[in-house]
Amino acid sequence: MKNLYLDANFLIAILVGGHEFHDKAVELLTIILNSETGYNLIISTLTLDEVWAHTMPYTYPNPEKNPTRYSSFAEEFQNMVLKLLSHQKFMLIPIDSPKQIFEKAIGGSKSYNLKPRDAFHYALASFYQASIVTFDSDFRFSKTDLEVISGDEKGNKLS
């Protein structure tokens, strides 16, 4: 089985219908799920934190008009995530070995000029020996030691 670490922007693009990469993300996920190659689709709690924060404004674009938006969206988000995780290929991973992950994140930031959050995604993907599925230009254009899958000419494509 090959591990694929799903970056937050990939999941956001899948979950938000009007997202600029929605169609590309759905197409890439369909290819992954239908591939004869066995894939473990890894989602970290760090990814979920980022997805939760960035999908809520699409559902509640006027926060001042939605004072209970956090509690309302929490249930919606829970249902979205549980639906994803019900598929046998998806795995929610914990952040094991926090010191090792931190050191790898610092190293990734120093070596590849990654922003802090991206450095942690890099460290987790590395820890789980995974390729990273992302539309993030920081991964697509930097030369990390991770295989980057984005479905375009800047990243690798799955076949």
Protein backbone atom coordinates (compact mmCIF):
# COMPACT_ATOMS: atom_id res chain seq x y z
CA MET A 1 0.00 0.00 0.00
CA LYS A 2 1.21 3.48 -0.83
CA ASN A 3 0.53 6.28 1.67
CA LEU A 4 -0.86 9.58 0.41
CA TYR A 5 -0.98 12.46 2.88
CA LEU A 6 -3.90 14.73 2.02
CA ASP A 7 -3.02 18.38 2.52
CA ALA A 8 -5.70 20.73 3.81
CA ASN A 9 -6.11 22.66 0.58
CA PHE A 10 -6.88 19.43 -1.28
CA LEU A 11 -9.64 18.52 1.19
CA ILE A 12 -10.99 22.07 1.19
CA ALA A 13 -11.21 21.97 -2.60
CA ILE A 14 -13.16 18.70 -2.41
CA LEU A 15 -15.58 19.94 0.25
CA VAL A 16 -16.25 23.42 -1.18
CA GLY A 17 -18.16 23.26 -4.45
CA GLY A 18 -17.19 26.74 -5.61
CA HIS A 19 -13.48 26.36 -4.84
CA GLU A 20 -11.12 27.14 -7.74
CA PHE A 21 -9.62 23.62 -7.57
CA HIS A 22 -12.87 21.75 -6.78
CA ASP A 23 -13.20 19.98 -10.13
CA LYS A 24 -9.51 19.08 -10.26
CA ALA A 25 -9.62 17.78 -6.66
CA VAL A 26 -12.70 15.64 -7.29
CA GLU A 27 -11.13 14.26 -10.46
CA LEU A 28 -7.88 13.44 -8.66
CA LEU A 29 -9.71 11.82 -5.72
CA THR A 30 -11.75 9.73 -8.16
CA ILE A 31 -8.56 8.53 -9.85
CA ILE A 32 -7.04 7.67 -6.46
CA LEU A 33 -10.12 5.80 -5.22
CA ASN A 34 -10.54 3.87 -8.48
CA SER A 35 -6.87 3.06 -8.92
CA GLU A 36 -5.77 -0.54 -8.86
CA THR A 37 -2.80 0.61 -6.80
CA GLY A 38 -3.62 0.36 -3.13
CA TYR A 39 -3.55 3.71 -1.36
CA ASN A 40 -3.93 4.70 2.26
CA LEU A 41 -5.33 8.23 2.33
CA ILE A 42 -3.91 9.90 5.39
CA ILE A 43 -5.58 12.84 7.10
CA SER A 44 -3.97 14.35 10.18
CA THR A 45 -5.66 16.20 13.00
CA LEU A 46 -3.58 19.20 11.92
CA THR A 47 -5.20 18.97 8.48
CA LEU A 48 -8.67 18.76 10.02
CA ASP A 49 -7.99 21.88 12.09
CA GLU A 50 -7.05 23.80 8.97
CA VAL A 51 -9.95 22.43 6.89
CA TRP A 52 -12.44 23.24 9.66
CA ALA A 53 -11.23 26.82 9.93
CA HIS A 54 -11.17 27.43 6.17
CA THR A 55 -14.44 25.75 5.13
CA MET A 56 -16.63 27.51 7.69
CA PRO A 57 -16.54 30.92 5.94
CA TYR A 58 -17.98 29.30 2.80
CA THR A 59 -20.96 28.11 4.84
CA TYR A 60 -21.25 31.22 7.01
CA PRO A 61 -19.90 34.13 4.94
CA ASN A 62 -21.39 36.82 7.24
CA PRO A 63 -20.20 35.96 10.76
CA GLU A 64 -21.94 38.94 12.33
CA LYS A 65 -25.27 37.49 11.18
CA ASN A 66 -24.50 34.04 12.57
CA PRO A 67 -23.68 34.26 16.29
CA THR A 68 -24.01 30.48 16.70
CA ARG A 69 -21.97 29.65 13.60
CA TYR A 70 -19.33 27.67 15.49
CA SER A 71 -21.78 25.29 17.12
CA SER A 72 -23.87 25.00 13.95
CA PHE A 73 -20.91 24.34 11.71
CA ALA A 74 -19.32 21.89 14.15
CA GLU A 75 -22.08 19.38 13.46
CA GLU A 76 -21.93 19.93 9.70
CA PHE A 77 -18.17 19.54 9.72
CA GLN A 78 -18.38 16.42 11.85
CA ASN A 79 -20.77 14.85 9.33
CA MET A 80 -18.45 15.74 6.42
CA VAL A 81 -15.42 14.23 8.13
CA LEU A 82 -17.23 11.10 9.29
CA LYS A 83 -18.43 10.55 5.73
CA LEU A 84 -14.84 10.71 4.47
CA LEU A 85 -13.51 8.50 7.23
CA SER A 86 -16.21 5.88 6.61
CA HIS A 87 -14.39 4.99 3.39
CA GLN A 88 -11.92 2.18 4.09
CA LYS A 89 -9.00 3.95 2.36
CA PHE A 90 -9.10 7.02 4.64
CA MET A 91 -7.12 7.06 7.88
CA LEU A 92 -7.11 9.74 10.56
CA ILE A 93 -3.65 9.78 12.07
CA PRO A 94 -2.51 11.10 15.43
CA ILE A 95 0.56 13.22 15.82
CA ASP A 96 2.86 10.57 17.23
CA SER A 97 6.43 11.31 18.29
CA PRO A 98 5.85 15.06 18.70
CA LYS A 99 9.52 15.89 19.29
CA GLN A 100 10.56 14.02 16.15
CA ILE A 101 7.77 15.70 14.15
CA PHE A 102 8.79 19.11 15.49
CA GLU A 103 12.43 18.53 14.58
CA LYS A 104 11.47 17.36 11.09
CA ALA A 105 9.22 20.43 10.67
CA ILE A 106 12.06 22.76 11.70
CA GLY A 107 14.39 20.96 9.31
CA GLY A 108 11.85 21.23 6.49
CA SER A 109 11.43 24.94 7.09
CA LYS A 110 15.19 25.50 7.13
CA SER A 111 15.91 23.32 4.10
CA TYR A 112 12.93 24.15 1.90
CA ASN A 113 11.79 27.55 3.20
CA LEU A 114 8.39 26.16 4.20
CA LYS A 115 5.92 28.19 6.24
CA PRO A 116 5.35 26.78 9.75
CA ARG A 117 2.05 25.01 9.00
CA ASP A 118 3.42 23.58 5.75
CA ALA A 119 6.54 22.46 7.59
CA PHE A 120 4.37 20.40 9.96
CA HIS A 121 2.46 18.87 7.04
CA TYR A 122 5.82 18.07 5.46
CA ALA A 123 7.01 16.45 8.70
CA LEU A 124 3.88 14.33 9.08
CA ALA A 125 3.96 13.17 5.46
CA SER A 126 7.64 12.29 5.90
CA PHE A 127 6.98 10.49 9.20
CA TYR A 128 4.33 8.31 7.55
CA GLN A 129 6.47 7.82 4.42
CA ALA A 130 3.77 9.37 2.27
CA SER A 131 3.53 11.39 -0.89
CA ILE A 132 1.63 14.64 -0.38
CA VAL A 133 -1.51 15.45 -2.35
CA THR A 134 -1.73 19.22 -2.51
CA PHE A 135 -2.40 22.27 -4.66
CA ASP A 136 -0.17 24.39 -2.40
CA SER A 137 2.43 26.21 -4.47
CA ASP A 138 4.88 26.02 -1.56
CA PHE A 139 5.09 22.27 -2.13
CA ARG A 140 4.62 22.27 -5.88
CA PHE A 141 7.44 24.73 -6.54
CA SER A 142 9.89 23.95 -3.74
CA LYS A 143 12.13 20.97 -4.16
CA THR A 144 11.33 19.00 -1.03
CA ASP A 145 12.21 15.34 -0.79
CA LEU A 146 8.50 14.46 -0.87
CA GLU A 147 6.69 13.27 -3.96
CA VAL A 148 4.06 15.93 -4.66
CA ILE A 149 0.83 14.91 -6.36
CA SER A 150 -1.33 17.73 -7.66
CA GLY A 151 -2.67 16.47 -10.95
CA ASP A 152 -0.91 19.08 -13.06
CA GLU A 153 2.40 19.72 -14.75
CA LYS A 154 3.97 21.18 -11.57
CA GLY A 155 3.32 18.06 -9.53
CA ASN A 156 3.16 14.40 -10.37
CA LYS A 157 0.04 12.83 -11.76
CA LEU A 158 -1.43 9.53 -10.74
CA SER A 159 -2.30 7.10 -13.46
